[in-house]
Amino acid sequence: MKKRILALFLCLLMIIAVFAGCGSKADTRPDEEKIIGRWKCTFDMGKWIISELEYRTGANLHTSQKAEYLAYIDFYPNGDSTVCFDEASIEKMEPGLIDVLKDIYKDEVFRVDLYELAAEEGMDIDTALNTVAFEDAAYLSSEFKESEWVFLYKIENGKLYFDFFGE
């Protein structure tokens, strides 16, 4: 019985040894060639909005809400790329985006504008907050549904950089 187990073990070992040399070779193409094609990715619109508003206002904003959506980025050999957004995922993102905006607009940086709107429209502050968040979310969603972004990219030291402004 021990000889059979030993023989079976040796057979398995030989099979493993035969396939040990098989496998894919390392991809030696330059990074610029590896990235060419269509890539699917998820973005968190809440993080993007916060970073943009912090840059513009100097405020330290935060939210625990997520507003994720799906996008496709096409990279071309000449350094151009396009981003198109998945319309269904944008529609799913919109309620989360409203919550993100409500969190952000509660910050003191925006409070004066909310009070002014509430006074002008005869609303309480919560209604003004909900109205502004809903309208801004609807606007941002429609912009993403109807647009395709074109921008340049480059790869340096294994890192991908986007040039949104042609700089």
Foldseek 3Di string as FASTA:
>chain_A
DVVVVVVVVVVVVVVCVVCVPDDDDDDPDDPLVVQAAKDKDKDWVLVVVQVVVCVVQVDNADDPFTQMFMWMWHADSVQKIKIAGDLVSLVVRLVSQLRSQLRRCVDPVNQVVLVVVCVVVVHDSVVSSSVVSNVVSVVVSVDRNPDMAMWGWDADPNDIDTDRPVD
